[in-house]
Amino acid sequence: MKISTFRNDKGSNTVSVSAYGVFGGSSARDENVEVTHVQKQQYALVDIADGNDFLALRDDNGNLREDLQLPKGNLGESLKACYGKNEDIVGMLSVD
């Protein structure tokens, strides 16, 4: 199997996949498979706003992000509990 990635003239990433059968010698090829460019950023939890449960997150450069709401369910409950105990919380956010 061979996988090649490149950026097309539209600015999006494209993947070309080629596969060859080991026993039968057959081959298959799929070109121009669009892939989403995902950027990962690490943030530290600074605050959880009372009432609306929006998170205040700070990145490594000191930029503040306040547009994400606290997740529902167990993850949100765990974050609130750790924040209430003044524990350091650092998370990774993937954005496309």
PDB file of N, CA and C in Angstrom:
ATOM      1  N   MET A   1       0.852  -1.165   0.000  1.00  0.00           N
ATOM      2  CA  MET A   1       0.000   0.000   0.000  1.00  0.00           C
ATOM      3  C   MET A   1       0.897   1.226   0.000  1.00  0.00           C
ATOM      4  N   LYS A   2       0.527   2.190  -0.824  1.00  0.00           N
ATOM      5  CA  LYS A   2       1.266   3.447  -0.898  1.00  0.00           C
ATOM      6  C   LYS A   2       0.274   4.586  -0.694  1.00  0.00           C
ATOM      7  N   ILE A   3       0.602   5.502   0.212  1.00  0.00           N
ATOM      8  CA  ILE A   3      -0.249   6.659   0.478  1.00  0.00           C
ATOM      9  C   ILE A   3       0.584   7.916   0.246  1.00  0.00           C
ATOM     10  N   SER A   4       0.102   8.794  -0.608  1.00  0.00           N
ATOM     11  CA  SER A   4       0.779  10.056  -0.890  1.00  0.00           C
ATOM     12  C   SER A   4      -0.155  11.200  -0.523  1.00  0.00           C
ATOM     13  N   THR A   5       0.386  12.220   0.100  1.00  0.00           N
ATOM     14  CA  THR A   5      -0.413  13.400   0.439  1.00  0.00           C
ATOM     15  C   THR A   5       0.185  14.627  -0.236  1.00  0.00           C
ATOM     16  N   PHE A   6      -0.666  15.548  -0.643  1.00  0.00           N
ATOM     17  CA  PHE A   6      -0.220  16.801  -1.232  1.00  0.00           C
ATOM     18  C   PHE A   6      -1.318  17.837  -1.082  1.00  0.00           C
ATOM     19  N   ARG A   7      -0.940  19.094  -1.245  1.00  0.00           N
ATOM     20  CA  ARG A   7      -1.899  20.201  -1.158  1.00  0.00           C
ATOM     21  C   ARG A   7      -2.240  20.632  -2.580  1.00  0.00           C
ATOM     22  N   ASN A   8      -3.529  20.622  -2.907  1.00  0.00           N
ATOM     23  CA  ASN A   8      -3.929  21.003  -4.264  1.00  0.00           C
ATOM     24  C   ASN A   8      -3.994  22.520  -4.414  1.00  0.00           C
ATOM     25  N   ASP A   9      -4.320  22.982  -5.630  1.00  0.00           N
ATOM     26  CA  ASP A   9      -4.341  24.423  -5.896  1.00  0.00           C
ATOM     27  C   ASP A   9      -5.464  25.158  -5.177  1.00  0.00           C
ATOM     28  N   LYS A  10      -6.430  24.439  -4.606  1.00  0.00           N
ATOM     29  CA  LYS A  10      -7.507  25.050  -3.835  1.00  0.00           C
ATOM     30  C   LYS A  10      -7.112  25.248  -2.378  1.00  0.00           C
ATOM     31  N   GLY A  11      -5.939  24.740  -1.988  1.00  0.00           N
ATOM     32  CA  GLY A  11      -5.465  24.897  -0.619  1.00  0.00           C
ATOM     33  C   GLY A  11      -5.866  23.796   0.326  1.00  0.00           C
ATOM     34  N   SER A  12      -6.578  22.764  -0.173  1.00  0.00           N
ATOM     35  CA  SER A  12      -6.952  21.661   0.716  1.00  0.00           C
ATOM     36  C   SER A  12      -6.009  20.486   0.498  1.00  0.00           C
ATOM     37  N   ASN A  13      -5.901  19.645   1.489  1.00  0.00           N
ATOM     38  CA  ASN A  13      -5.037  18.484   1.404  1.00  0.00           C
ATOM     39  C   ASN A  13      -5.736  17.374   0.629  1.00  0.00           C
ATOM     40  N   THR A  14      -4.954  16.636  -0.158  1.00  0.00           N
ATOM     41  CA  THR A  14      -5.474  15.541  -0.960  1.00  0.00           C
ATOM     42  C   THR A  14      -4.604  14.319  -0.746  1.00  0.00           C
ATOM     43  N   VAL A  15      -5.225  13.150  -0.771  1.00  0.00           N
ATOM     44  CA  VAL A  15      -4.517  11.896  -0.562  1.00  0.00           C
ATOM     45  C   VAL A  15      -4.722  11.003  -1.780  1.00  0.00           C
ATOM     46  N   SER A  16      -3.663  10.337  -2.184  1.00  0.00           N
ATOM     47  CA  SER A  16      -3.736   9.331  -3.237  1.00  0.00           C
ATOM     48  C   SER A  16      -3.364   7.996  -2.607  1.00  0.00           C
ATOM     49  N   VAL A  17      -4.225   6.992  -2.755  1.00  0.00           N
ATOM     50  CA  VAL A  17      -4.002   5.683  -2.147  1.00  0.00           C
ATOM     51  C   VAL A  17      -3.868   4.639  -3.249  1.00  0.00           C
ATOM     52  N   SER A  18      -2.789   3.859  -3.217  1.00  0.00           N
ATOM     53  CA  SER A  18      -2.578   2.756  -4.161  1.00  0.00           C
ATOM     54  C   SER A  18      -2.340   1.496  -3.360  1.00  0.00           C
ATOM     55  N   ALA A  19      -3.005   0.401  -3.762  1.00  0.00           N
ATOM     56  CA  ALA A  19      -2.828  -0.882  -3.072  1.00  0.00           C
ATOM     57  C   ALA A  19      -2.595  -1.979  -4.103  1.00  0.00           C
ATOM     58  N   TYR A  20      -1.717  -2.912  -3.766  1.00  0.00           N
ATOM     59  CA  TYR A  20      -1.392  -4.023  -4.649  1.00  0.00           C
ATOM     60  C   TYR A  20      -1.613  -5.325  -3.912  1.00  0.00           C
ATOM     61  N   GLY A  21      -2.312  -6.278  -4.557  1.00  0.00           N
ATOM     62  CA  GLY A  21      -2.565  -7.576  -3.955  1.00  0.00           C
ATOM     63  C   GLY A  21      -1.294  -8.400  -3.887  1.00  0.00           C
ATOM     64  N   VAL A  22      -0.956  -8.924  -2.728  1.00  0.00           N
ATOM     65  CA  VAL A  22       0.261  -9.705  -2.529  1.00  0.00           C
ATOM     66  C   VAL A  22       0.170 -11.036  -3.268  1.00  0.00           C
ATOM     67  N   PHE A  23      -0.959 -11.695  -3.207  1.00  0.00           N
ATOM     68  CA  PHE A  23      -1.079 -13.035  -3.780  1.00  0.00           C
ATOM     69  C   PHE A  23      -1.554 -13.019  -5.225  1.00  0.00           C
ATOM     70  N   GLY A  24      -2.542 -12.205  -5.532  1.00  0.00           N
ATOM     71  CA  GLY A  24      -3.116 -12.218  -6.879  1.00  0.00           C
ATOM     72  C   GLY A  24      -2.490 -11.219  -7.831  1.00  0.00           C
ATOM     73  N   GLY A  25      -1.736 -10.273  -7.327  1.00  0.00           N
ATOM     74  CA  GLY A  25      -1.111  -9.269  -8.166  1.00  0.00           C
ATOM     75  C   GLY A  25      -2.052  -8.173  -8.635  1.00  0.00           C
ATOM     76  N   SER A  26      -3.295  -8.168  -8.157  1.00  0.00           N
ATOM     77  CA  SER A  26      -4.244  -7.133  -8.561  1.00  0.00           C
ATOM     78  C   SER A  26      -3.890  -5.807  -7.896  1.00  0.00           C
ATOM     79  N   SER A  27      -4.377  -4.731  -8.469  1.00  0.00           N
ATOM     80  CA  SER A  27      -4.094  -3.415  -7.897  1.00  0.00           C
ATOM     81  C   SER A  27      -5.360  -2.580  -7.856  1.00  0.00           C
ATOM     82  N   ALA A  28      -5.368  -1.625  -6.967  1.00  0.00           N
ATOM     83  CA  ALA A  28      -6.478  -0.679  -6.844  1.00  0.00           C
ATOM     84  C   ALA A  28      -5.888   0.687  -6.538  1.00  0.00           C
ATOM     85  N   ARG A  29      -6.539   1.706  -7.062  1.00  0.00           N
ATOM     86  CA  ARG A  29      -6.023   3.054  -6.853  1.00  0.00           C
ATOM     87  C   ARG A  29      -7.204   4.004  -6.646  1.00  0.00           C
ATOM     88  N   ASP A  30      -7.078   4.894  -5.692  1.00  0.00           N
ATOM     89  CA  ASP A  30      -8.082   5.919  -5.452  1.00  0.00           C
ATOM     90  C   ASP A  30      -7.335   7.240  -5.298  1.00  0.00           C
ATOM     91  N   GLU A  31      -7.589   8.151  -6.203  1.00  0.00           N
ATOM     92  CA  GLU A  31      -6.883   9.435  -6.175  1.00  0.00           C
ATOM     93  C   GLU A  31      -7.819  10.548  -5.764  1.00  0.00           C
ATOM     94  N   ASN A  32      -7.214  11.639  -5.362  1.00  0.00           N
ATOM     95  CA  ASN A  32      -7.946  12.860  -5.016  1.00  0.00           C
ATOM     96  C   ASN A  32      -8.958  12.650  -3.902  1.00  0.00           C
ATOM     97  N   VAL A  33      -8.552  11.932  -2.879  1.00  0.00           N
ATOM     98  CA  VAL A  33      -9.389  11.757  -1.690  1.00  0.00           C
ATOM     99  C   VAL A  33      -9.195  13.009  -0.831  1.00  0.00           C
ATOM    100  N   GLU A  34     -10.255  13.759  -0.640  1.00  0.00           N
ATOM    101  CA  GLU A  34     -10.168  14.987   0.159  1.00  0.00           C
ATOM    102  C   GLU A  34     -10.043  14.645   1.639  1.00  0.00           C
ATOM    103  N   VAL A  35      -9.151  15.316   2.322  1.00  0.00           N
ATOM    104  CA  VAL A  35      -8.986  15.128   3.760  1.00  0.00           C
ATOM    105  C   VAL A  35      -9.074  16.491   4.433  1.00  0.00           C
ATOM    106  N   THR A  36      -9.570  16.495   5.631  1.00  0.00           N
ATOM    107  CA  THR A  36      -9.693  17.730   6.398  1.00  0.00           C
ATOM    108  C   THR A  36      -8.391  18.016   7.122  1.00  0.00           C
ATOM    109  N   HIS A  37      -7.933  19.243   7.023  1.00  0.00           N
ATOM    110  CA  HIS A  37      -6.744  19.665   7.756  1.00  0.00           C
ATOM    111  C   HIS A  37      -7.168  19.984   9.184  1.00  0.00           C
ATOM    112  N   VAL A  38      -6.607  19.257  10.132  1.00  0.00           N
ATOM    113  CA  VAL A  38      -6.967  19.434  11.538  1.00  0.00           C
ATOM    114  C   VAL A  38      -5.781  20.037  12.271  1.00  0.00           C
ATOM    115  N   GLN A  39      -6.042  21.078  13.011  1.00  0.00           N
ATOM    116  CA  GLN A  39      -5.018  21.731  13.809  1.00  0.00           C
ATOM    117  C   GLN A  39      -5.280  21.408  15.277  1.00  0.00           C
ATOM    118  N   LYS A  40      -4.236  20.978  15.981  1.00  0.00           N
ATOM    119  CA  LYS A  40      -4.373  20.680  17.406  1.00  0.00           C
ATOM    120  C   LYS A  40      -3.712  21.791  18.213  1.00  0.00           C
ATOM    121  N   GLN A  41      -4.400  22.210  19.253  1.00  0.00           N
ATOM    122  CA  GLN A  41      -3.895  23.275  20.118  1.00  0.00           C
ATOM    123  C   GLN A  41      -4.102  22.871  21.568  1.00  0.00           C
ATOM    124  N   GLN A  42      -3.101  23.108  22.382  1.00  0.00           N
ATOM    125  CA  GLN A  42      -3.190  22.782  23.808  1.00  0.00           C
ATOM    126  C   GLN A  42      -3.659  24.020  24.567  1.00  0.00           C
ATOM    127  N   TYR A  43      -4.617  23.816  25.484  1.00  0.00           N
ATOM    128  CA  TYR A  43      -5.172  24.907  26.280  1.00  0.00           C
ATOM    129  C   TYR A  43      -5.184  24.522  27.752  1.00  0.00           C
ATOM    130  N   ALA A  44      -5.037  25.529  28.602  1.00  0.00           N
ATOM    131  CA  ALA A  44      -5.189  25.351  30.042  1.00  0.00           C
ATOM    132  C   ALA A  44      -6.528  25.972  30.446  1.00  0.00           C
ATOM    133  N   LEU A  45      -7.260  25.275  31.302  1.00  0.00           N
ATOM    134  CA  LEU A  45      -8.544  25.791  31.780  1.00  0.00           C
ATOM    135  C   LEU A  45      -8.288  26.886  32.807  1.00  0.00           C
ATOM    136  N   VAL A  46      -8.831  28.060  32.526  1.00  0.00           N
ATOM    137  CA  VAL A  46      -8.638  29.220  33.401  1.00  0.00           C
ATOM    138  C   VAL A  46      -9.871  29.458  34.271  1.00  0.00           C
ATOM    139  N   ASP A  47     -11.069  29.259  33.695  1.00  0.00           N
ATOM    140  CA  ASP A  47     -12.288  29.565  34.425  1.00  0.00           C
ATOM    141  C   ASP A  47     -13.472  28.828  33.794  1.00  0.00           C
ATOM    142  N   ILE A  48     -14.485  28.570  34.598  1.00  0.00           N
ATOM    143  CA  ILE A  48     -15.776  28.078  34.121  1.00  0.00           C
ATOM    144  C   ILE A  48     -16.797  29.111  34.561  1.00  0.00           C
ATOM    145  N   ALA A  49     -17.430  29.775  33.582  1.00  0.00           N
ATOM    146  CA  ALA A  49     -18.370  30.854  33.895  1.00  0.00           C
ATOM    147  C   ALA A  49     -19.609  30.298  34.579  1.00  0.00           C
ATOM    148  N   ASP A  50     -20.017  30.944  35.659  1.00  0.00           N
ATOM    149  CA  ASP A  50     -21.237  30.541  36.362  1.00  0.00           C
ATOM    150  C   ASP A  50     -22.457  30.846  35.502  1.00  0.00           C
ATOM    151  N   GLY A  51     -23.445  30.007  35.585  1.00  0.00           N
ATOM    152  CA  GLY A  51     -24.692  30.247  34.868  1.00  0.00           C
ATOM    153  C   GLY A  51     -24.726  29.634  33.483  1.00  0.00           C
ATOM    154  N   ASN A  52     -23.806  30.029  32.596  1.00  0.00           N
ATOM    155  CA  ASN A  52     -23.866  29.531  31.224  1.00  0.00           C
ATOM    156  C   ASN A  52     -22.844  28.427  30.937  1.00  0.00           C
ATOM    157  N   ASP A  53     -21.975  28.132  31.889  1.00  0.00           N
ATOM    158  CA  ASP A  53     -20.979  27.058  31.781  1.00  0.00           C
ATOM    159  C   ASP A  53     -20.068  27.172  30.563  1.00  0.00           C
ATOM    160  N   PHE A  54     -19.678  28.391  30.196  1.00  0.00           N
ATOM    161  CA  PHE A  54     -18.685  28.550  29.145  1.00  0.00           C
ATOM    162  C   PHE A  54     -17.294  28.476  29.751  1.00  0.00           C
ATOM    163  N   LEU A  55     -16.369  27.872  29.012  1.00  0.00           N
ATOM    164  CA  LEU A  55     -14.998  27.690  29.487  1.00  0.00           C
ATOM    165  C   LEU A  55     -14.143  28.869  29.065  1.00  0.00           C
ATOM    166  N   ALA A  56     -13.224  29.256  29.925  1.00  0.00           N
ATOM    167  CA  ALA A  56     -12.183  30.218  29.570  1.00  0.00           C
ATOM    168  C   ALA A  56     -10.892  29.418  29.471  1.00  0.00           C
ATOM    169  N   LEU A  57     -10.319  29.375  28.262  1.00  0.00           N
ATOM    170  CA  LEU A  57      -9.129  28.568  27.996  1.00  0.00           C
ATOM    171  C   LEU A  57      -7.996  29.459  27.530  1.00  0.00           C
ATOM    172  N   ARG A  58      -6.766  29.191  28.010  1.00  0.00           N
ATOM    173  CA  ARG A  58      -5.592  29.980  27.615  1.00  0.00           C
ATOM    174  C   ARG A  58      -4.599  29.068  26.910  1.00  0.00           C
ATOM    175  N   ASP A  59      -4.112  29.523  25.726  1.00  0.00           N
ATOM    176  CA  ASP A  59      -3.124  28.734  24.999  1.00  0.00           C
ATOM    177  C   ASP A  59      -1.710  29.089  25.468  1.00  0.00           C
ATOM    178  N   ASP A  60      -0.710  28.455  24.862  1.00  0.00           N
ATOM    179  CA  ASP A  60       0.683  28.666  25.260  1.00  0.00           C
ATOM    180  C   ASP A  60       1.178  30.085  25.004  1.00  0.00           C
ATOM    181  N   ASN A  61       0.519  30.800  24.086  1.00  0.00           N
ATOM    182  CA  ASN A  61       0.908  32.179  23.766  1.00  0.00           C
ATOM    183  C   ASN A  61       0.179  33.206  24.625  1.00  0.00           C
ATOM    184  N   GLY A  62      -0.674  32.745  25.542  1.00  0.00           N
ATOM    185  CA  GLY A  62      -1.403  33.649  26.417  1.00  0.00           C
ATOM    186  C   GLY A  62      -2.726  34.128  25.859  1.00  0.00           C
ATOM    187  N   ASN A  63      -3.118  33.640  24.673  1.00  0.00           N
ATOM    188  CA  ASN A  63      -4.398  34.024  24.075  1.00  0.00           C
ATOM    189  C   ASN A  63      -5.546  33.325  24.794  1.00  0.00           C
ATOM    190  N   LEU A  64      -6.618  34.059  25.029  1.00  0.00           N
ATOM    191  CA  LEU A  64      -7.771  33.553  25.753  1.00  0.00           C
ATOM    192  C   LEU A  64      -8.882  33.175  24.776  1.00  0.00           C
ATOM    193  N   ARG A  65      -9.487  32.035  25.007  1.00  0.00           N
ATOM    194  CA  ARG A  65     -10.618  31.565  24.192  1.00  0.00           C
ATOM    195  C   ARG A  65     -11.784  31.315  25.132  1.00  0.00           C
ATOM    196  N   GLU A  66     -12.946  31.935  24.837  1.00  0.00           N
ATOM    197  CA  GLU A  66     -14.110  31.826  25.721  1.00  0.00           C
ATOM    198  C   GLU A  66     -15.384  31.441  24.958  1.00  0.00           C
ATOM    199  N   ASP A  67     -15.228  30.705  23.857  1.00  0.00           N
ATOM    200  CA  ASP A  67     -16.387  30.389  23.011  1.00  0.00           C
ATOM    201  C   ASP A  67     -16.815  28.926  23.082  1.00  0.00           C
ATOM    202  N   LEU A  68     -16.265  28.158  24.000  1.00  0.00           N
ATOM    203  CA  LEU A  68     -16.627  26.752  24.122  1.00  0.00           C
ATOM    204  C   LEU A  68     -17.409  26.511  25.410  1.00  0.00           C
ATOM    205  N   GLN A  69     -18.520  25.808  25.270  1.00  0.00           N
ATOM    206  CA  GLN A  69     -19.349  25.498  26.431  1.00  0.00           C
ATOM    207  C   GLN A  69     -18.863  24.205  27.085  1.00  0.00           C
ATOM    208  N   LEU A  70     -19.040  24.113  28.371  1.00  0.00           N
ATOM    209  CA  LEU A  70     -18.678  22.918  29.124  1.00  0.00           C
ATOM    210  C   LEU A  70     -19.398  21.707  28.540  1.00  0.00           C
ATOM    211  N   PRO A  71     -18.676  20.607  28.262  1.00  0.00           N
ATOM    212  CA  PRO A  71     -19.334  19.414  27.709  1.00  0.00           C
ATOM    213  C   PRO A  71     -20.379  18.853  28.669  1.00  0.00           C
ATOM    214  N   LYS A  72     -21.394  18.240  28.109  1.00  0.00           N
ATOM    215  CA  LYS A  72     -22.441  17.599  28.906  1.00  0.00           C
ATOM    216  C   LYS A  72     -21.941  16.243  29.390  1.00  0.00           C
ATOM    217  N   GLY A  73     -22.547  15.715  30.411  1.00  0.00           N
ATOM    218  CA  GLY A  73     -22.261  14.356  30.867  1.00  0.00           C
ATOM    219  C   GLY A  73     -21.059  14.251  31.786  1.00  0.00           C
ATOM    220  N   ASN A  74     -20.453  13.068  31.795  1.00  0.00           N
ATOM    221  CA  ASN A  74     -19.358  12.759  32.725  1.00  0.00           C
ATOM    222  C   ASN A  74     -18.150  13.659  32.547  1.00  0.00           C
ATOM    223  N   LEU A  75     -17.794  13.980  31.296  1.00  0.00           N
ATOM    224  CA  LEU A  75     -16.627  14.832  31.072  1.00  0.00           C
ATOM    225  C   LEU A  75     -16.826  16.204  31.698  1.00  0.00           C
ATOM    226  N   GLY A  76     -17.996  16.803  31.487  1.00  0.00           N
ATOM    227  CA  GLY A  76     -18.277  18.114  32.072  1.00  0.00           C
ATOM    228  C   GLY A  76     -18.276  18.088  33.585  1.00  0.00           C
ATOM    229  N   GLU A  77     -18.871  17.034  34.152  1.00  0.00           N
ATOM    230  CA  GLU A  77     -18.890  16.895  35.617  1.00  0.00           C
ATOM    231  C   GLU A  77     -17.468  16.742  36.172  1.00  0.00           C
ATOM    232  N   SER A  78     -16.644  15.967  35.494  1.00  0.00           N
ATOM    233  CA  SER A  78     -15.254  15.766  35.932  1.00  0.00           C
ATOM    234  C   SER A  78     -14.458  17.064  35.868  1.00  0.00           C
ATOM    235  N   LEU A  79     -14.649  17.830  34.785  1.00  0.00           N
ATOM    236  CA  LEU A  79     -13.951  19.110  34.668  1.00  0.00           C
ATOM    237  C   LEU A  79     -14.353  20.066  35.788  1.00  0.00           C
ATOM    238  N   LYS A  80     -15.661  20.143  36.070  1.00  0.00           N
ATOM    239  CA  LYS A  80     -16.131  21.015  37.156  1.00  0.00           C
ATOM    240  C   LYS A  80     -15.548  20.590  38.500  1.00  0.00           C
ATOM    241  N   ALA A  81     -15.523  19.283  38.752  1.00  0.00           N
ATOM    242  CA  ALA A  81     -15.003  18.779  40.025  1.00  0.00           C
ATOM    243  C   ALA A  81     -13.520  19.095  40.176  1.00  0.00           C
ATOM    244  N   CYS A  82     -12.740  18.877  39.142  1.00  0.00           N
ATOM    245  CA  CYS A  82     -11.299  19.167  39.196  1.00  0.00           C
ATOM    246  C   CYS A  82     -11.052  20.663  39.325  1.00  0.00           C
ATOM    247  N   TYR A  83     -11.830  21.463  38.600  1.00  0.00           N
ATOM    248  CA  TYR A  83     -11.680  22.908  38.684  1.00  0.00           C
ATOM    249  C   TYR A  83     -12.031  23.405  40.082  1.00  0.00           C
ATOM    250  N   GLY A  84     -13.045  22.814  40.689  1.00  0.00           N
ATOM    251  CA  GLY A  84     -13.451  23.191  42.044  1.00  0.00           C
ATOM    252  C   GLY A  84     -12.393  22.869  43.087  1.00  0.00           C
ATOM    253  N   LYS A  85     -11.534  21.905  42.799  1.00  0.00           N
ATOM    254  CA  LYS A  85     -10.442  21.536  43.714  1.00  0.00           C
ATOM    255  C   LYS A  85      -9.155  22.287  43.392  1.00  0.00           C
ATOM    256  N   ASN A  86      -9.228  23.276  42.490  1.00  0.00           N
ATOM    257  CA  ASN A  86      -8.064  24.063  42.052  1.00  0.00           C
ATOM    258  C   ASN A  86      -6.966  23.208  41.433  1.00  0.00           C
ATOM    259  N   GLU A  87      -7.346  22.123  40.748  1.00  0.00           N
ATOM    260  CA  GLU A  87      -6.379  21.292  40.057  1.00  0.00           C
ATOM    261  C   GLU A  87      -6.052  21.907  38.703  1.00  0.00           C
ATOM    262  N   ASP A  88      -4.801  21.748  38.260  1.00  0.00           N
ATOM    263  CA  ASP A  88      -4.413  22.221  36.934  1.00  0.00           C
ATOM    264  C   ASP A  88      -5.025  21.306  35.878  1.00  0.00           C
ATOM    265  N   ILE A  89      -5.698  21.889  34.910  1.00  0.00           N
ATOM    266  CA  ILE A  89      -6.350  21.128  33.853  1.00  0.00           C
ATOM    267  C   ILE A  89      -5.826  21.636  32.513  1.00  0.00           C
ATOM    268  N   VAL A  90      -5.212  20.752  31.753  1.00  0.00           N
ATOM    269  CA  VAL A  90      -4.707  21.075  30.428  1.00  0.00           C
ATOM    270  C   VAL A  90      -5.323  20.079  29.454  1.00  0.00           C
ATOM    271  N   GLY A  91      -5.828  20.579  28.331  1.00  0.00           N
ATOM    272  CA  GLY A  91      -6.463  19.705  27.350  1.00  0.00           C
ATOM    273  C   GLY A  91      -6.041  20.048  25.943  1.00  0.00           C
ATOM    274  N   MET A  92      -6.304  19.128  25.039  1.00  0.00           N
ATOM    275  CA  MET A  92      -5.990  19.295  23.630  1.00  0.00           C
ATOM    276  C   MET A  92      -7.295  19.508  22.861  1.00  0.00           C
ATOM    277  N   LEU A  93      -7.309  20.491  21.991  1.00  0.00           N
ATOM    278  CA  LEU A  93      -8.489  20.805  21.203  1.00  0.00           C
ATOM    279  C   LEU A  93      -8.130  20.661  19.737  1.00  0.00           C
ATOM    280  N   SER A  94      -8.906  19.904  18.993  1.00  0.00           N
ATOM    281  CA  SER A  94      -8.696  19.712  17.564  1.00  0.00           C
ATOM    282  C   SER A  94      -9.689  20.559  16.799  1.00  0.00           C
ATOM    283  N   VAL A  95      -9.192  21.388  15.882  1.00  0.00           N
ATOM    284  CA  VAL A  95     -10.030  22.308  15.121  1.00  0.00           C
ATOM    285  C   VAL A  95      -9.737  22.119  13.640  1.00  0.00           C
ATOM    286  N   ASP A  96     -10.815  22.037  12.837  1.00  0.00           N
ATOM    287  CA  ASP A  96     -10.568  21.955  11.394  1.00  0.00           C
ATOM    288  C   ASP A  96     -10.843  23.268  10.730  1.00  0.00           C
TER     289      ASP A  96
END
